[in-house]
């Protein structure tokens, strides 16, 4: 087992229609407006960008995202990750009754930053907790953002 390999799944139940949720998730350059842990996004072109994230732990992760799938009809946004994280991430947006949305986030990635790789064994529970807190904050931020627009 690769101690630096992670799989995450988060489910966000959101009180907004699927269309606006998908639109918000599609615009990565706006993530810092509603997701405090996304500290910066620099667009490279129409299908990619560099994202800097930092949650509770005292380090930033810098990752390049490259779009691999954008399918509004299926509600799917998928990117390839490279940099401090290497792997993929996917949002799947599904309408729920009566006018809500389930946003499912799946990620499979390996840490590439040397310091974090050396901390793989003792840091693993902290890295999981860090991710959980970041996702919880993202859901709250997106909910507030969608209610304001």
C-alpha atoms as a PDB file:
ATOM      1  CA  UNK A   1       0.000   0.000   0.000  1.00  0.00           C
ATOM      2  CA  UNK A   2       1.301   3.459  -0.920  1.00  0.00           C
ATOM      3  CA  UNK A   3       1.122   5.515   2.281  1.00  0.00           C
ATOM      4  CA  UNK A   4       1.045   8.689   0.208  1.00  0.00           C
ATOM      5  CA  UNK A   5      -2.058   7.682  -1.780  1.00  0.00           C
ATOM      6  CA  UNK A   6      -5.458   9.024  -0.681  1.00  0.00           C
ATOM      7  CA  UNK A   7      -9.067   8.534  -1.705  1.00  0.00           C
ATOM      8  CA  UNK A   8     -11.668  11.007  -0.575  1.00  0.00           C
ATOM      9  CA  UNK A   9     -15.417  11.285  -1.039  1.00  0.00           C
ATOM     10  CA  UNK A  10     -17.555  14.139   0.213  1.00  0.00           C
ATOM     11  CA  UNK A  11     -21.292  14.590  -0.215  1.00  0.00           C
ATOM     12  CA  UNK A  12     -22.720  18.089  -0.071  1.00  0.00           C
ATOM     13  CA  UNK A  13     -26.473  18.471   0.236  1.00  0.00           C
ATOM     14  CA  UNK A  14     -27.144  21.988  -1.017  1.00  0.00           C
ATOM     15  CA  UNK A  15     -30.403  24.010  -0.877  1.00  0.00           C
ATOM     16  CA  UNK A  16     -30.138  25.257  -4.468  1.00  0.00           C
ATOM     17  CA  UNK A  17     -31.005  23.954  -7.948  1.00  0.00           C
ATOM     18  CA  UNK A  18     -28.425  21.836  -9.754  1.00  0.00           C
ATOM     19  CA  UNK A  19     -27.814  24.401 -12.524  1.00  0.00           C
ATOM     20  CA  UNK A  20     -26.461  27.169 -10.294  1.00  0.00           C
ATOM     21  CA  UNK A  21     -24.461  24.637  -8.238  1.00  0.00           C
ATOM     22  CA  UNK A  22     -22.821  23.244 -11.377  1.00  0.00           C
ATOM     23  CA  UNK A  23     -22.137  26.769 -12.649  1.00  0.00           C
ATOM     24  CA  UNK A  24     -20.444  27.749  -9.369  1.00  0.00           C
ATOM     25  CA  UNK A  25     -18.318  24.586  -9.276  1.00  0.00           C
ATOM     26  CA  UNK A  26     -17.331  25.087 -12.905  1.00  0.00           C
ATOM     27  CA  UNK A  27     -15.809  28.530 -12.208  1.00  0.00           C
ATOM     28  CA  UNK A  28     -12.648  27.605 -10.302  1.00  0.00           C
ATOM     29  CA  UNK A  29     -11.390  31.183 -10.419  1.00  0.00           C
ATOM     30  CA  UNK A  30     -14.303  32.110  -8.097  1.00  0.00           C
ATOM     31  CA  UNK A  31     -13.562  29.425  -5.486  1.00  0.00           C
ATOM     32  CA  UNK A  32     -11.582  31.813  -3.241  1.00  0.00           C
ATOM     33  CA  UNK A  33     -14.736  33.980  -2.957  1.00  0.00           C
ATOM     34  CA  UNK A  34     -16.648  31.258  -1.145  1.00  0.00           C
ATOM     35  CA  UNK A  35     -14.086  28.634  -0.079  1.00  0.00           C
ATOM     36  CA  UNK A  36     -11.645  30.103   2.478  1.00  0.00           C
ATOM     37  CA  UNK A  37      -9.111  27.290   2.122  1.00  0.00           C
ATOM     38  CA  UNK A  38      -8.714  27.936  -1.603  1.00  0.00           C
ATOM     39  CA  UNK A  39      -6.197  30.749  -1.212  1.00  0.00           C
ATOM     40  CA  UNK A  40      -5.640  31.459  -4.883  1.00  0.00           C
ATOM     41  CA  UNK A  41      -6.405  30.375  -8.424  1.00  0.00           C
ATOM     42  CA  UNK A  42      -4.409  31.415 -11.468  1.00  0.00           C
ATOM     43  CA  UNK A  43      -6.005  30.470 -14.761  1.00  0.00           C
ATOM     44  CA  UNK A  44      -3.535  29.068 -17.285  1.00  0.00           C
ATOM     45  CA  UNK A  45      -6.062  28.847 -20.118  1.00  0.00           C
ATOM     46  CA  UNK A  46      -9.710  27.840 -20.675  1.00  0.00           C
ATOM     47  CA  UNK A  47      -9.148  24.299 -19.368  1.00  0.00           C
ATOM     48  CA  UNK A  48      -6.582  24.644 -16.628  1.00  0.00           C
ATOM     49  CA  UNK A  49      -5.261  26.582 -13.710  1.00  0.00           C
ATOM     50  CA  UNK A  50      -2.984  26.529 -10.696  1.00  0.00           C
ATOM     51  CA  UNK A  51      -4.686  26.321  -7.303  1.00  0.00           C
ATOM     52  CA  UNK A  52      -3.150  27.082  -3.919  1.00  0.00           C
ATOM     53  CA  UNK A  53      -4.959  25.548  -0.932  1.00  0.00           C
ATOM     54  CA  UNK A  54      -4.360  25.623   2.791  1.00  0.00           C
ATOM     55  CA  UNK A  55      -6.608  24.243   5.478  1.00  0.00           C
ATOM     56  CA  UNK A  56      -5.774  23.807   9.174  1.00  0.00           C
ATOM     57  CA  UNK A  57      -2.280  22.356   8.825  1.00  0.00           C
ATOM     58  CA  UNK A  58       0.540  24.908   8.380  1.00  0.00           C
ATOM     59  CA  UNK A  59       1.393  24.304   4.726  1.00  0.00           C
ATOM     60  CA  UNK A  60       0.067  25.221   1.294  1.00  0.00           C
ATOM     61  CA  UNK A  61      -0.515  22.722  -1.478  1.00  0.00           C
ATOM     62  CA  UNK A  62      -0.018  24.013  -5.012  1.00  0.00           C
ATOM     63  CA  UNK A  63      -1.637  21.924  -7.698  1.00  0.00           C
ATOM     64  CA  UNK A  64      -2.217  22.339 -11.416  1.00  0.00           C
ATOM     65  CA  UNK A  65      -5.692  21.346 -12.575  1.00  0.00           C
ATOM     66  CA  UNK A  66      -6.323  20.235 -16.151  1.00  0.00           C
ATOM     67  CA  UNK A  67      -9.897  19.645 -17.248  1.00  0.00           C
ATOM     68  CA  UNK A  68     -10.518  16.102 -18.471  1.00  0.00           C
ATOM     69  CA  UNK A  69     -14.314  16.143 -18.555  1.00  0.00           C
ATOM     70  CA  UNK A  70     -16.939  18.875 -18.544  1.00  0.00           C
ATOM     71  CA  UNK A  71     -20.435  17.507 -19.058  1.00  0.00           C
ATOM     72  CA  UNK A  72     -23.250  19.817 -17.889  1.00  0.00           C
ATOM     73  CA  UNK A  73     -25.964  17.343 -18.954  1.00  0.00           C
ATOM     74  CA  UNK A  74     -24.476  14.606 -16.755  1.00  0.00           C
ATOM     75  CA  UNK A  75     -23.488  17.145 -14.071  1.00  0.00           C
ATOM     76  CA  UNK A  76     -19.832  16.058 -14.174  1.00  0.00           C
ATOM     77  CA  UNK A  77     -16.679  18.138 -13.831  1.00  0.00           C
ATOM     78  CA  UNK A  78     -13.400  16.237 -13.736  1.00  0.00           C
ATOM     79  CA  UNK A  79      -9.778  17.374 -13.587  1.00  0.00           C
ATOM     80  CA  UNK A  80      -6.321  15.868 -13.588  1.00  0.00           C
ATOM     81  CA  UNK A  81      -4.116  17.011 -10.692  1.00  0.00           C
ATOM     82  CA  UNK A  82      -0.371  17.522 -10.836  1.00  0.00           C
ATOM     83  CA  UNK A  83       2.108  19.247  -8.565  1.00  0.00           C
ATOM     84  CA  UNK A  84       1.965  18.740  -4.798  1.00  0.00           C
ATOM     85  CA  UNK A  85      -0.934  16.368  -5.503  1.00  0.00           C
ATOM     86  CA  UNK A  86      -0.946  13.947  -8.431  1.00  0.00           C
ATOM     87  CA  UNK A  87      -4.191  12.246  -9.423  1.00  0.00           C
ATOM     88  CA  UNK A  88      -7.729  13.304 -10.280  1.00  0.00           C
ATOM     89  CA  UNK A  89     -10.803  14.954  -8.785  1.00  0.00           C
ATOM     90  CA  UNK A  90     -14.438  14.894  -9.877  1.00  0.00           C
ATOM     91  CA  UNK A  91     -17.615  16.772  -8.991  1.00  0.00           C
ATOM     92  CA  UNK A  92     -20.911  15.052  -9.811  1.00  0.00           C
ATOM     93  CA  UNK A  93     -23.927  17.324  -9.423  1.00  0.00           C
ATOM     94  CA  UNK A  94     -27.365  15.700  -9.110  1.00  0.00           C
ATOM     95  CA  UNK A  95     -30.740  17.391  -8.544  1.00  0.00           C
ATOM     96  CA  UNK A  96     -32.689  16.294  -5.474  1.00  0.00           C
ATOM     97  CA  UNK A  97     -36.295  16.816  -4.450  1.00  0.00           C
ATOM     98  CA  UNK A  98     -37.708  19.387  -3.903  1.00  0.00           C
ATOM     99  CA  UNK A  99     -35.234  21.845  -5.520  1.00  0.00           C
ATOM    100  CA  UNK A 100     -31.980  20.926  -3.896  1.00  0.00           C
ATOM    101  CA  UNK A 101     -28.757  19.395  -5.137  1.00  0.00           C
ATOM    102  CA  UNK A 102     -26.356  16.698  -4.115  1.00  0.00           C
ATOM    103  CA  UNK A 103     -22.772  17.593  -5.045  1.00  0.00           C
ATOM    104  CA  UNK A 104     -20.509  14.567  -4.758  1.00  0.00           C
ATOM    105  CA  UNK A 105     -16.756  15.126  -4.667  1.00  0.00           C
ATOM    106  CA  UNK A 106     -14.423  12.233  -5.392  1.00  0.00           C
ATOM    107  CA  UNK A 107     -10.664  12.530  -5.342  1.00  0.00           C
ATOM    108  CA  UNK A 108      -7.851  10.062  -5.728  1.00  0.00           C
ATOM    109  CA  UNK A 109      -4.381  11.518  -5.361  1.00  0.00           C
ATOM    110  CA  UNK A 110      -0.878  10.941  -4.129  1.00  0.00           C
ATOM    111  CA  UNK A 111       1.195  13.451  -2.214  1.00  0.00           C
ATOM    112  CA  UNK A 112       4.306  14.523  -4.112  1.00  0.00           C
ATOM    113  CA  UNK A 113       5.803  17.166  -1.812  1.00  0.00           C
ATOM    114  CA  UNK A 114       8.898  15.543  -0.224  1.00  0.00           C
ATOM    115  CA  UNK A 115       8.282  16.784   3.331  1.00  0.00           C
ATOM    116  CA  UNK A 116       4.700  15.502   3.348  1.00  0.00           C
ATOM    117  CA  UNK A 117       5.795  12.178   1.884  1.00  0.00           C
ATOM    118  CA  UNK A 118       8.259  11.770   4.773  1.00  0.00           C
ATOM    119  CA  UNK A 119       5.405  12.442   7.219  1.00  0.00           C
ATOM    120  CA  UNK A 120       3.149   9.875   5.546  1.00  0.00           C
ATOM    121  CA  UNK A 121       2.712   7.475   8.441  1.00  0.00           C
ATOM    122  CA  UNK A 122       2.336   9.837  11.412  1.00  0.00           C
ATOM    123  CA  UNK A 123       0.602  12.489   9.311  1.00  0.00           C
ATOM    124  CA  UNK A 124      -2.058  10.350   7.633  1.00  0.00           C
ATOM    125  CA  UNK A 125      -4.810  10.868  10.269  1.00  0.00           C
ATOM    126  CA  UNK A 126      -4.029  14.598  10.327  1.00  0.00           C
ATOM    127  CA  UNK A 127      -4.151  14.827   6.524  1.00  0.00           C
ATOM    128  CA  UNK A 128      -7.571  13.118   6.530  1.00  0.00           C
ATOM    129  CA  UNK A 129      -8.872  15.447   9.252  1.00  0.00           C
ATOM    130  CA  UNK A 130      -7.470  18.456   7.395  1.00  0.00           C
ATOM    131  CA  UNK A 131      -9.308  17.401   4.229  1.00  0.00           C
ATOM    132  CA  UNK A 132     -12.551  16.804   6.135  1.00  0.00           C
ATOM    133  CA  UNK A 133     -12.437  20.267   7.704  1.00  0.00           C
ATOM    134  CA  UNK A 134     -11.671  21.868   4.352  1.00  0.00           C
ATOM    135  CA  UNK A 135     -14.611  20.140   2.677  1.00  0.00           C
ATOM    136  CA  UNK A 136     -16.970  21.060   5.523  1.00  0.00           C
ATOM    137  CA  UNK A 137     -15.963  24.702   5.163  1.00  0.00           C
ATOM    138  CA  UNK A 138     -16.374  24.526   1.381  1.00  0.00           C
ATOM    139  CA  UNK A 139     -19.939  23.242   1.699  1.00  0.00           C
ATOM    140  CA  UNK A 140     -20.842  26.042   4.104  1.00  0.00           C
ATOM    141  CA  UNK A 141     -19.194  28.633   1.874  1.00  0.00           C
ATOM    142  CA  UNK A 142     -20.895  27.416  -1.290  1.00  0.00           C
ATOM    143  CA  UNK A 143     -24.279  27.347   0.462  1.00  0.00           C
ATOM    144  CA  UNK A 144     -23.869  30.977   1.558  1.00  0.00           C
ATOM    145  CA  UNK A 145     -22.559  31.985  -1.883  1.00  0.00           C
ATOM    146  CA  UNK A 146     -25.521  30.412  -3.681  1.00  0.00           C
ATOM    147  CA  UNK A 147     -28.007  32.085  -1.335  1.00  0.00           C
ATOM    148  CA  UNK A 148     -26.400  35.488  -1.985  1.00  0.00           C
ATOM    149  CA  UNK A 149     -26.599  35.315  -5.791  1.00  0.00           C
END
